[in-house]
Amino acid sequence: MMRSLNINMSPIHRLMMLAVILTGMVFPATFGRCLEGTEDQIKGAMMVNFIKFIQWPDHVIEQANGRIIIGIFGRDSFGQALEPLEGRTIGDYRLSIRRFDSLNQVTQCQMLFVCASEIQRTRQILNAVEGLPILTIGEAEDFLRSGGIIRFYMDKKHVRFEINKAAAVKSDLKISAKLIEIASVFE
């Protein structure tokens, strides 16, 4: 006789589990390392999975020839963790990873991760992409208050994220209700 297994998981734990599973599908050679995931590996996997829950304006993807360019600005601690994603397909998009060291480069992507090393320049960086359809992600305490869209934070040794829906609207990005449901929402 089969019995169903009832496991109560919070929405964020379901997303993290989904991120780990999908990461294993995207780059199986590193799947074992993701299970042991460092904070940065988990953030990287979550960023890639955000792509499935964001809708960019059609013209943005057409201009980028079906690519989603993930820009990393500042001294990143991802190391080589994102490199296996180069050229991979997520949904209808081909991924490219670019590291930027100049403020005038930040408009050359569809997703921009602002590294912790840039805390002093957060507002300046966000001003450079204000109103553009670029999903901005960061870690600074005031990232969302400064106009960023998604902010990672740690809660009891778990990576969590919060969303600034108003900033997404200003950037002409549509965020799936499924993603909003499992995030903290910044008001």
N, C-alpha and C. Protein backbone atom coordinates (compact mmCIF):
# COMPACT_ATOMS: atom_id res chain seq x y z
N MET A 1 0.83 -1.17 0.00
CA MET A 1 0.00 0.00 0.00
C MET A 1 0.89 1.25 0.00
N MET A 2 0.62 2.18 -0.92
CA MET A 2 1.42 3.40 -1.01
C MET A 2 0.79 4.47 -0.14
N ARG A 3 1.63 5.19 0.57
CA ARG A 3 1.17 6.31 1.37
C ARG A 3 1.81 7.57 0.82
N SER A 4 1.06 8.63 0.83
CA SER A 4 1.65 9.88 0.35
C SER A 4 2.50 10.48 1.46
N LEU A 5 3.52 11.16 1.04
CA LEU A 5 4.42 11.81 1.98
C LEU A 5 4.05 13.29 2.03
N ASN A 6 3.69 13.76 3.17
CA ASN A 6 3.28 15.15 3.32
C ASN A 6 4.42 15.93 3.95
N ILE A 7 5.05 16.78 3.15
CA ILE A 7 6.16 17.59 3.64
C ILE A 7 5.74 19.04 3.55
N ASN A 8 5.75 19.72 4.66
CA ASN A 8 5.41 21.14 4.67
C ASN A 8 6.67 21.94 4.42
N MET A 9 6.69 22.65 3.31
CA MET A 9 7.84 23.49 2.97
C MET A 9 7.34 24.91 2.74
N SER A 10 8.10 25.86 3.22
CA SER A 10 7.73 27.26 2.97
C SER A 10 7.95 27.55 1.49
N PRO A 11 7.30 28.56 0.96
CA PRO A 11 7.47 28.90 -0.45
C PRO A 11 8.93 29.16 -0.82
N ILE A 12 9.70 29.80 0.05
CA ILE A 12 11.10 30.08 -0.28
C ILE A 12 11.90 28.79 -0.35
N HIS A 13 11.60 27.84 0.52
CA HIS A 13 12.29 26.55 0.46
C HIS A 13 11.94 25.81 -0.82
N ARG A 14 10.67 25.92 -1.26
CA ARG A 14 10.29 25.29 -2.53
C ARG A 14 11.06 25.92 -3.68
N LEU A 15 11.21 27.26 -3.67
CA LEU A 15 11.96 27.92 -4.73
C LEU A 15 13.43 27.50 -4.71
N MET A 16 14.00 27.42 -3.51
CA MET A 16 15.40 27.01 -3.42
C MET A 16 15.57 25.58 -3.91
N MET A 17 14.64 24.71 -3.57
CA MET A 17 14.69 23.32 -4.04
C MET A 17 14.57 23.30 -5.56
N LEU A 18 13.64 24.09 -6.09
CA LEU A 18 13.48 24.19 -7.54
C LEU A 18 14.75 24.72 -8.18
N ALA A 19 15.36 25.73 -7.55
CA ALA A 19 16.61 26.29 -8.09
C ALA A 19 17.70 25.23 -8.15
N VAL A 20 17.82 24.43 -7.10
CA VAL A 20 18.84 23.38 -7.08
C VAL A 20 18.56 22.34 -8.16
N ILE A 21 17.30 21.93 -8.30
CA ILE A 21 16.94 20.93 -9.31
C ILE A 21 17.18 21.47 -10.71
N LEU A 22 16.71 22.70 -10.96
CA LEU A 22 16.89 23.29 -12.29
C LEU A 22 18.35 23.55 -12.58
N THR A 23 19.12 23.92 -11.57
CA THR A 23 20.54 24.13 -11.77
C THR A 23 21.19 22.82 -12.19
N GLY A 24 20.76 21.73 -11.60
CA GLY A 24 21.28 20.42 -11.99
C GLY A 24 20.96 20.10 -13.43
N MET A 25 19.80 20.55 -13.90
CA MET A 25 19.43 20.33 -15.30
C MET A 25 20.23 21.23 -16.24
N VAL A 26 20.49 22.46 -15.80
CA VAL A 26 21.19 23.41 -16.65
C VAL A 26 22.66 23.06 -16.78
N PHE A 27 23.32 22.77 -15.67
CA PHE A 27 24.72 22.36 -15.76
C PHE A 27 24.99 21.22 -14.78
N PRO A 28 24.68 19.99 -15.26
CA PRO A 28 24.79 18.81 -14.40
C PRO A 28 26.18 18.55 -13.86
N ALA A 29 27.22 18.96 -14.56
CA ALA A 29 28.58 18.69 -14.09
C ALA A 29 28.85 19.37 -12.76
N THR A 30 28.15 20.46 -12.48
CA THR A 30 28.38 21.16 -11.23
C THR A 30 27.24 20.95 -10.23
N PHE A 31 26.34 20.03 -10.53
CA PHE A 31 25.18 19.82 -9.67
C PHE A 31 25.58 19.47 -8.25
N GLY A 32 26.55 18.61 -8.08
CA GLY A 32 26.99 18.22 -6.75
C GLY A 32 27.49 19.41 -5.94
N ARG A 33 28.22 20.29 -6.60
CA ARG A 33 28.72 21.47 -5.91
C ARG A 33 27.58 22.40 -5.50
N CYS A 34 26.52 22.47 -6.31
CA CYS A 34 25.39 23.35 -5.98
C CYS A 34 24.65 22.83 -4.76
N LEU A 35 24.60 21.52 -4.59
CA LEU A 35 23.94 20.98 -3.42
C LEU A 35 24.66 21.41 -2.16
N GLU A 36 25.98 21.51 -2.25
CA GLU A 36 26.77 21.96 -1.12
C GLU A 36 26.85 23.48 -1.13
N GLY A 37 26.18 24.08 -2.08
CA GLY A 37 26.23 25.47 -2.46
C GLY A 37 26.69 26.50 -1.45
N THR A 38 27.62 27.28 -1.91
CA THR A 38 28.00 28.45 -1.15
C THR A 38 26.91 29.49 -1.33
N GLU A 39 26.97 30.52 -0.54
CA GLU A 39 26.00 31.61 -0.66
C GLU A 39 25.99 32.17 -2.09
N ASP A 40 27.17 32.35 -2.67
CA ASP A 40 27.25 32.91 -4.02
C ASP A 40 26.72 31.95 -5.08
N GLN A 41 26.95 30.66 -4.91
CA GLN A 41 26.41 29.70 -5.87
C GLN A 41 24.88 29.69 -5.82
N ILE A 42 24.33 29.79 -4.63
CA ILE A 42 22.87 29.83 -4.50
C ILE A 42 22.32 31.10 -5.13
N LYS A 43 22.98 32.23 -4.89
CA LYS A 43 22.54 33.48 -5.51
C LYS A 43 22.62 33.39 -7.03
N GLY A 44 23.68 32.80 -7.54
CA GLY A 44 23.82 32.63 -8.98
C GLY A 44 22.71 31.78 -9.56
N ALA A 45 22.40 30.68 -8.89
CA ALA A 45 21.32 29.80 -9.36
C ALA A 45 19.98 30.51 -9.30
N MET A 46 19.76 31.27 -8.25
CA MET A 46 18.50 32.00 -8.14
C MET A 46 18.38 33.07 -9.22
N MET A 47 19.48 33.77 -9.51
CA MET A 47 19.44 34.79 -10.57
C MET A 47 19.04 34.17 -11.90
N VAL A 48 19.64 33.04 -12.22
CA VAL A 48 19.32 32.37 -13.48
C VAL A 48 17.85 31.97 -13.50
N ASN A 49 17.36 31.49 -12.39
CA ASN A 49 15.96 31.07 -12.34
C ASN A 49 14.99 32.24 -12.36
N PHE A 50 15.43 33.41 -11.93
CA PHE A 50 14.57 34.60 -12.03
C PHE A 50 14.16 34.84 -13.47
N ILE A 51 15.02 34.49 -14.41
CA ILE A 51 14.75 34.73 -15.84
C ILE A 51 13.41 34.14 -16.24
N LYS A 52 13.07 32.99 -15.67
CA LYS A 52 11.82 32.31 -16.03
C LYS A 52 10.58 33.04 -15.51
N PHE A 53 10.78 33.96 -14.58
CA PHE A 53 9.66 34.64 -13.94
C PHE A 53 9.58 36.12 -14.28
N ILE A 54 10.41 36.56 -15.22
CA ILE A 54 10.44 37.96 -15.63
C ILE A 54 10.07 38.05 -17.10
N GLN A 55 9.26 39.03 -17.43
CA GLN A 55 8.93 39.26 -18.84
C GLN A 55 9.49 40.63 -19.24
N TRP A 56 10.42 40.59 -20.19
CA TRP A 56 10.99 41.81 -20.74
C TRP A 56 10.13 42.25 -21.93
N PRO A 57 10.15 43.53 -22.25
CA PRO A 57 9.45 43.98 -23.46
C PRO A 57 10.01 43.25 -24.69
N ASP A 58 9.16 42.93 -25.64
CA ASP A 58 9.58 42.17 -26.82
C ASP A 58 10.76 42.81 -27.54
N HIS A 59 10.75 44.12 -27.68
CA HIS A 59 11.83 44.78 -28.44
C HIS A 59 13.20 44.59 -27.79
N VAL A 60 13.24 44.44 -26.48
CA VAL A 60 14.51 44.26 -25.77
C VAL A 60 15.16 42.94 -26.17
N ILE A 61 14.37 41.88 -26.19
CA ILE A 61 14.90 40.56 -26.53
C ILE A 61 15.23 40.50 -28.02
N GLU A 62 14.41 41.13 -28.85
CA GLU A 62 14.70 41.16 -30.28
C GLU A 62 16.03 41.86 -30.55
N GLN A 63 16.25 43.00 -29.90
CA GLN A 63 17.49 43.75 -30.09
C GLN A 63 18.70 42.96 -29.61
N ALA A 64 18.50 42.10 -28.63
CA ALA A 64 19.60 41.29 -28.10
C ALA A 64 19.70 39.94 -28.80
N ASN A 65 18.98 39.77 -29.92
CA ASN A 65 19.01 38.52 -30.68
C ASN A 65 18.68 37.30 -29.83
N GLY A 66 17.67 37.43 -28.96
CA GLY A 66 17.22 36.30 -28.15
C GLY A 66 18.13 35.98 -26.97
N ARG A 67 19.06 36.86 -26.66
CA ARG A 67 19.98 36.62 -25.54
C ARG A 67 19.53 37.38 -24.31
N ILE A 68 19.86 36.83 -23.17
CA ILE A 68 19.78 37.54 -21.91
C ILE A 68 21.23 37.68 -21.45
N ILE A 69 21.67 38.91 -21.36
CA ILE A 69 23.02 39.17 -20.88
C ILE A 69 22.92 39.49 -19.39
N ILE A 70 23.62 38.68 -18.59
CA ILE A 70 23.70 38.91 -17.16
C ILE A 70 24.99 39.69 -16.93
N GLY A 71 24.84 40.94 -16.51
CA GLY A 71 26.00 41.78 -16.23
C GLY A 71 26.33 41.74 -14.75
N ILE A 72 27.60 41.61 -14.45
CA ILE A 72 28.08 41.62 -13.07
C ILE A 72 28.94 42.88 -12.93
N PHE A 73 28.56 43.78 -12.04
CA PHE A 73 29.30 45.02 -11.87
C PHE A 73 29.97 45.05 -10.51
N GLY A 74 31.29 45.20 -10.51
CA GLY A 74 32.06 45.26 -9.27
C GLY A 74 32.86 43.99 -9.06
N ARG A 75 33.49 43.90 -7.89
CA ARG A 75 34.30 42.72 -7.55
C ARG A 75 33.35 41.60 -7.13
N ASP A 76 33.14 40.68 -8.05
CA ASP A 76 32.18 39.62 -7.74
C ASP A 76 32.87 38.44 -7.07
N SER A 77 32.11 37.73 -6.30
CA SER A 77 32.64 36.55 -5.62
C SER A 77 32.08 35.27 -6.22
N PHE A 78 31.46 35.38 -7.41
CA PHE A 78 30.93 34.19 -8.08
C PHE A 78 32.06 33.31 -8.60
N GLY A 79 33.23 33.91 -8.85
CA GLY A 79 34.33 33.14 -9.41
C GLY A 79 33.91 32.57 -10.75
N GLN A 80 34.16 31.29 -10.93
CA GLN A 80 33.82 30.61 -12.18
C GLN A 80 32.44 29.95 -12.12
N ALA A 81 31.69 30.16 -11.05
CA ALA A 81 30.40 29.47 -10.87
C ALA A 81 29.40 29.76 -11.99
N LEU A 82 29.45 30.94 -12.59
CA LEU A 82 28.50 31.28 -13.64
C LEU A 82 29.00 30.93 -15.04
N GLU A 83 30.28 30.65 -15.18
CA GLU A 83 30.86 30.41 -16.50
C GLU A 83 30.21 29.25 -17.27
N PRO A 84 29.84 28.15 -16.62
CA PRO A 84 29.20 27.06 -17.38
C PRO A 84 27.87 27.47 -18.02
N LEU A 85 27.31 28.59 -17.60
CA LEU A 85 26.03 29.04 -18.15
C LEU A 85 26.19 29.75 -19.49
N GLU A 86 27.38 30.20 -19.81
CA GLU A 86 27.62 30.93 -21.06
C GLU A 86 27.13 30.10 -22.24
N GLY A 87 26.21 30.68 -23.02
CA GLY A 87 25.69 30.02 -24.21
C GLY A 87 24.55 29.04 -23.96
N ARG A 88 24.27 28.75 -22.69
CA ARG A 88 23.16 27.83 -22.38
C ARG A 88 21.83 28.49 -22.68
N THR A 89 20.80 27.68 -22.80
CA THR A 89 19.46 28.19 -23.07
C THR A 89 18.59 28.01 -21.83
N ILE A 90 17.92 29.09 -21.45
CA ILE A 90 16.94 29.06 -20.36
C ILE A 90 15.64 29.53 -20.99
N GLY A 91 14.67 28.63 -21.09
CA GLY A 91 13.44 28.98 -21.79
C GLY A 91 13.75 29.30 -23.23
N ASP A 92 13.38 30.48 -23.67
CA ASP A 92 13.63 30.91 -25.05
C ASP A 92 14.90 31.74 -25.18
N TYR A 93 15.65 31.88 -24.11
CA TYR A 93 16.79 32.79 -24.11
C TYR A 93 18.13 32.06 -24.03
N ARG A 94 19.10 32.59 -24.77
CA ARG A 94 20.49 32.16 -24.64
C ARG A 94 21.17 33.07 -23.63
N LEU A 95 21.96 32.50 -22.76
CA LEU A 95 22.60 33.29 -21.70
C LEU A 95 24.01 33.72 -22.09
N SER A 96 24.34 34.92 -21.68
CA SER A 96 25.70 35.44 -21.77
C SER A 96 26.03 36.07 -20.42
N ILE A 97 27.24 35.87 -19.97
CA ILE A 97 27.70 36.45 -18.71
C ILE A 97 28.77 37.49 -19.06
N ARG A 98 28.61 38.70 -18.55
CA ARG A 98 29.58 39.77 -18.80
C ARG A 98 29.93 40.42 -17.47
N ARG A 99 31.20 40.72 -17.32
CA ARG A 99 31.66 41.45 -16.13
C ARG A 99 31.99 42.88 -16.55
N PHE A 100 31.41 43.82 -15.84
CA PHE A 100 31.59 45.23 -16.17
C PHE A 100 32.46 45.91 -15.12
N ASP A 101 33.30 46.82 -15.57
CA ASP A 101 34.10 47.61 -14.63
C ASP A 101 33.92 49.11 -14.84
N SER A 102 33.05 49.47 -15.76
CA SER A 102 32.81 50.87 -16.06
C SER A 102 31.31 51.15 -16.03
N LEU A 103 30.96 52.29 -15.49
CA LEU A 103 29.56 52.66 -15.36
C LEU A 103 28.86 52.76 -16.71
N ASN A 104 29.59 53.14 -17.76
CA ASN A 104 28.94 53.28 -19.06
C ASN A 104 28.65 51.93 -19.73
N GLN A 105 29.06 50.82 -19.12
CA GLN A 105 28.77 49.49 -19.65
C GLN A 105 27.47 48.90 -19.12
N VAL A 106 26.96 49.42 -18.01
CA VAL A 106 25.86 48.76 -17.31
C VAL A 106 24.55 48.72 -18.08
N THR A 107 24.43 49.50 -19.13
CA THR A 107 23.20 49.47 -19.94
C THR A 107 23.25 48.37 -21.00
N GLN A 108 24.35 47.63 -21.06
CA GLN A 108 24.54 46.62 -22.10
C GLN A 108 24.12 45.23 -21.64
N CYS A 109 23.08 45.15 -20.83
CA CYS A 109 22.61 43.85 -20.33
C CYS A 109 21.12 43.92 -20.07
N GLN A 110 20.52 42.77 -19.80
CA GLN A 110 19.11 42.71 -19.43
C GLN A 110 18.94 42.43 -17.94
N MET A 111 19.99 41.93 -17.31
CA MET A 111 19.99 41.66 -15.88
C MET A 111 21.32 42.17 -15.34
N LEU A 112 21.28 42.98 -14.29
CA LEU A 112 22.50 43.56 -13.74
C LEU A 112 22.60 43.24 -12.26
N PHE A 113 23.67 42.53 -11.89
CA PHE A 113 23.94 42.25 -10.49
C PHE A 113 24.98 43.26 -10.01
N VAL A 114 24.61 44.02 -8.99
CA VAL A 114 25.51 45.02 -8.42
C VAL A 114 26.16 44.40 -7.19
N CYS A 115 27.46 44.17 -7.27
CA CYS A 115 28.19 43.48 -6.20
C CYS A 115 28.30 44.34 -4.94
N ALA A 116 28.51 43.65 -3.84
CA ALA A 116 28.63 44.32 -2.54
C ALA A 116 29.77 45.33 -2.53
N SER A 117 30.78 45.14 -3.38
CA SER A 117 31.90 46.07 -3.44
C SER A 117 31.48 47.46 -3.90
N GLU A 118 30.29 47.57 -4.46
CA GLU A 118 29.82 48.84 -5.03
C GLU A 118 28.78 49.53 -4.16
N ILE A 119 28.73 49.21 -2.89
CA ILE A 119 27.72 49.78 -2.00
C ILE A 119 27.74 51.31 -2.04
N GLN A 120 28.92 51.90 -2.06
CA GLN A 120 29.02 53.36 -2.07
C GLN A 120 28.48 53.98 -3.36
N ARG A 121 28.45 53.19 -4.44
CA ARG A 121 28.03 53.71 -5.74
C ARG A 121 26.66 53.19 -6.17
N THR A 122 25.95 52.52 -5.29
CA THR A 122 24.67 51.89 -5.65
C THR A 122 23.72 52.87 -6.32
N ARG A 123 23.51 54.00 -5.71
CA ARG A 123 22.55 54.98 -6.26
C ARG A 123 23.01 55.46 -7.64
N GLN A 124 24.29 55.70 -7.80
CA GLN A 124 24.83 56.15 -9.09
C GLN A 124 24.63 55.09 -10.17
N ILE A 125 24.86 53.83 -9.83
CA ILE A 125 24.69 52.73 -10.79
C ILE A 125 23.22 52.60 -11.17
N LEU A 126 22.34 52.63 -10.19
CA LEU A 126 20.91 52.50 -10.47
C LEU A 126 20.38 53.69 -11.27
N ASN A 127 20.92 54.88 -11.03
CA ASN A 127 20.53 56.04 -11.83
C ASN A 127 20.91 55.85 -13.30
N ALA A 128 22.02 55.16 -13.55
CA ALA A 128 22.49 54.94 -14.93
C ALA A 128 21.54 54.04 -15.72
N VAL A 129 20.77 53.19 -15.04
CA VAL A 129 19.85 52.28 -15.73
C VAL A 129 18.39 52.60 -15.46
N GLU A 130 18.15 53.70 -14.76
CA GLU A 130 16.78 54.07 -14.39
C GLU A 130 15.88 54.17 -15.62
N GLY A 131 14.73 53.51 -15.54
CA GLY A 131 13.75 53.55 -16.63
C GLY A 131 14.05 52.59 -17.76
N LEU A 132 15.19 51.93 -17.73
CA LEU A 132 15.53 50.96 -18.77
C LEU A 132 15.05 49.58 -18.35
N PRO A 133 14.70 48.72 -19.30
CA PRO A 133 14.21 47.38 -18.96
C PRO A 133 15.35 46.43 -18.57
N ILE A 134 15.97 46.76 -17.44
CA ILE A 134 17.08 45.96 -16.91
C ILE A 134 16.69 45.52 -15.51
N LEU A 135 16.71 44.21 -15.29
CA LEU A 135 16.42 43.66 -13.96
C LEU A 135 17.65 43.89 -13.09
N THR A 136 17.52 44.76 -12.10
CA THR A 136 18.65 45.06 -11.22
C THR A 136 18.55 44.23 -9.95
N ILE A 137 19.68 43.65 -9.58
CA ILE A 137 19.75 42.78 -8.41
C ILE A 137 20.96 43.21 -7.59
N GLY A 138 20.80 43.29 -6.29
CA GLY A 138 21.91 43.70 -5.44
C GLY A 138 21.78 43.16 -4.04
N GLU A 139 22.70 43.62 -3.18
CA GLU A 139 22.75 43.13 -1.81
C GLU A 139 22.75 44.25 -0.77
N ALA A 140 23.00 45.47 -1.21
CA ALA A 140 23.11 46.60 -0.28
C ALA A 140 21.80 46.79 0.48
N GLU A 141 21.92 47.17 1.72
CA GLU A 141 20.75 47.37 2.58
C GLU A 141 19.74 48.34 1.96
N ASP A 142 20.23 49.40 1.33
CA ASP A 142 19.32 50.40 0.75
C ASP A 142 19.11 50.21 -0.75
N PHE A 143 19.40 49.02 -1.28
CA PHE A 143 19.32 48.77 -2.72
C PHE A 143 17.92 49.03 -3.27
N LEU A 144 16.90 48.53 -2.62
CA LEU A 144 15.53 48.72 -3.10
C LEU A 144 15.07 50.16 -2.90
N ARG A 145 15.43 50.74 -1.79
CA ARG A 145 15.09 52.14 -1.52
C ARG A 145 15.73 53.06 -2.56
N SER A 146 16.87 52.64 -3.12
CA SER A 146 17.57 53.43 -4.13
C SER A 146 17.03 53.18 -5.53
N GLY A 147 16.06 52.26 -5.68
CA GLY A 147 15.46 52.00 -6.98
C GLY A 147 15.77 50.66 -7.59
N GLY A 148 16.50 49.80 -6.86
CA GLY A 148 16.78 48.44 -7.35
C GLY A 148 15.52 47.59 -7.34
N ILE A 149 15.54 46.49 -8.08
CA ILE A 149 14.33 45.66 -8.22
C ILE A 149 14.34 44.45 -7.28
N ILE A 150 15.46 43.74 -7.21
CA ILE A 150 15.54 42.56 -6.33
C ILE A 150 16.77 42.69 -5.44
N ARG A 151 16.60 42.39 -4.17
CA ARG A 151 17.72 42.42 -3.23
C ARG A 151 17.82 41.08 -2.52
N PHE A 152 19.04 40.52 -2.54
CA PHE A 152 19.33 39.32 -1.75
C PHE A 152 19.67 39.75 -0.33
N TYR A 153 19.27 38.92 0.63
CA TYR A 153 19.67 39.13 2.01
C TYR A 153 19.73 37.77 2.69
N MET A 154 20.45 37.72 3.80
CA MET A 154 20.58 36.48 4.56
C MET A 154 19.61 36.52 5.74
N ASP A 155 18.95 35.39 5.97
CA ASP A 155 18.03 35.24 7.09
C ASP A 155 18.26 33.86 7.68
N LYS A 156 18.84 33.81 8.86
CA LYS A 156 19.13 32.54 9.53
C LYS A 156 19.89 31.59 8.61
N LYS A 157 20.96 32.10 8.02
CA LYS A 157 21.85 31.34 7.14
C LYS A 157 21.21 30.89 5.84
N HIS A 158 20.10 31.49 5.47
CA HIS A 158 19.43 31.18 4.20
C HIS A 158 19.41 32.43 3.33
N VAL A 159 19.64 32.22 2.03
CA VAL A 159 19.55 33.32 1.09
C VAL A 159 18.07 33.58 0.81
N ARG A 160 17.66 34.80 1.01
CA ARG A 160 16.29 35.22 0.74
C ARG A 160 16.34 36.40 -0.23
N PHE A 161 15.18 36.78 -0.75
CA PHE A 161 15.15 37.95 -1.61
C PHE A 161 13.87 38.72 -1.42
N GLU A 162 13.97 40.01 -1.71
CA GLU A 162 12.80 40.87 -1.68
C GLU A 162 12.72 41.63 -2.99
N ILE A 163 11.51 42.03 -3.33
CA ILE A 163 11.23 42.64 -4.63
C ILE A 163 10.60 44.02 -4.44
N ASN A 164 11.08 44.96 -5.25
CA ASN A 164 10.51 46.29 -5.32
C ASN A 164 9.64 46.33 -6.59
N LYS A 165 8.34 46.07 -6.42
CA LYS A 165 7.44 46.00 -7.58
C LYS A 165 7.34 47.33 -8.32
N ALA A 166 7.36 48.44 -7.59
CA ALA A 166 7.27 49.76 -8.23
C ALA A 166 8.46 50.00 -9.15
N ALA A 167 9.65 49.59 -8.73
CA ALA A 167 10.85 49.76 -9.57
C ALA A 167 10.75 48.90 -10.82
N ALA A 168 10.18 47.70 -10.69
CA ALA A 168 10.00 46.82 -11.86
C ALA A 168 9.06 47.47 -12.87
N VAL A 169 7.98 48.05 -12.39
CA VAL A 169 7.02 48.73 -13.27
C VAL A 169 7.71 49.89 -13.99
N LYS A 170 8.50 50.68 -13.27
CA LYS A 170 9.22 51.81 -13.88
C LYS A 170 10.19 51.33 -14.96
N SER A 171 10.68 50.11 -14.81
CA SER A 171 11.63 49.55 -15.78
C SER A 171 10.93 48.77 -16.89
N ASP A 172 9.61 48.78 -16.89
CA ASP A 172 8.81 48.09 -17.90
C ASP A 172 9.03 46.57 -17.88
N LEU A 173 9.26 46.03 -16.69
CA LEU A 173 9.42 44.59 -16.51
C LEU A 173 8.19 44.05 -15.79
N LYS A 174 7.76 42.87 -16.22
CA LYS A 174 6.63 42.21 -15.55
C LYS A 174 7.18 41.03 -14.77
N ILE A 175 6.88 41.01 -13.48
CA ILE A 175 7.34 39.93 -12.61
C ILE A 175 6.16 39.00 -12.36
N SER A 176 6.38 37.71 -12.57
CA SER A 176 5.34 36.71 -12.36
C SER A 176 4.83 36.74 -10.92
N ALA A 177 3.54 36.56 -10.78
CA ALA A 177 2.93 36.48 -9.45
C ALA A 177 3.53 35.34 -8.64
N LYS A 178 3.98 34.29 -9.33
CA LYS A 178 4.59 33.15 -8.62
C LYS A 178 5.87 33.57 -7.90
N LEU A 179 6.66 34.43 -8.53
CA LEU A 179 7.89 34.90 -7.91
C LEU A 179 7.57 35.87 -6.77
N ILE A 180 6.62 36.74 -6.99
CA ILE A 180 6.23 37.70 -5.96
C ILE A 180 5.68 36.98 -4.73
N GLU A 181 4.98 35.89 -4.96
CA GLU A 181 4.38 35.11 -3.87
C GLU A 181 5.42 34.58 -2.89
N ILE A 182 6.59 34.24 -3.38
CA ILE A 182 7.60 33.64 -2.50
C ILE A 182 8.65 34.63 -2.04
N ALA A 183 8.51 35.88 -2.44
CA ALA A 183 9.46 36.92 -2.04
C ALA A 183 8.88 37.77 -0.93
N SER A 184 9.76 38.49 -0.27
CA SER A 184 9.30 39.58 0.58
C SER A 184 9.08 40.75 -0.37
N VAL A 185 8.03 41.50 -0.16
CA VAL A 185 7.73 42.62 -1.06
C VAL A 185 8.07 43.93 -0.36
N PHE A 186 8.88 44.72 -1.02
CA PHE A 186 9.29 46.02 -0.51
C PHE A 186 8.21 47.05 -0.82
N GLU A 187 7.80 47.78 0.17
CA GLU A 187 6.76 48.81 -0.02
C GLU A 187 7.37 50.17 0.17
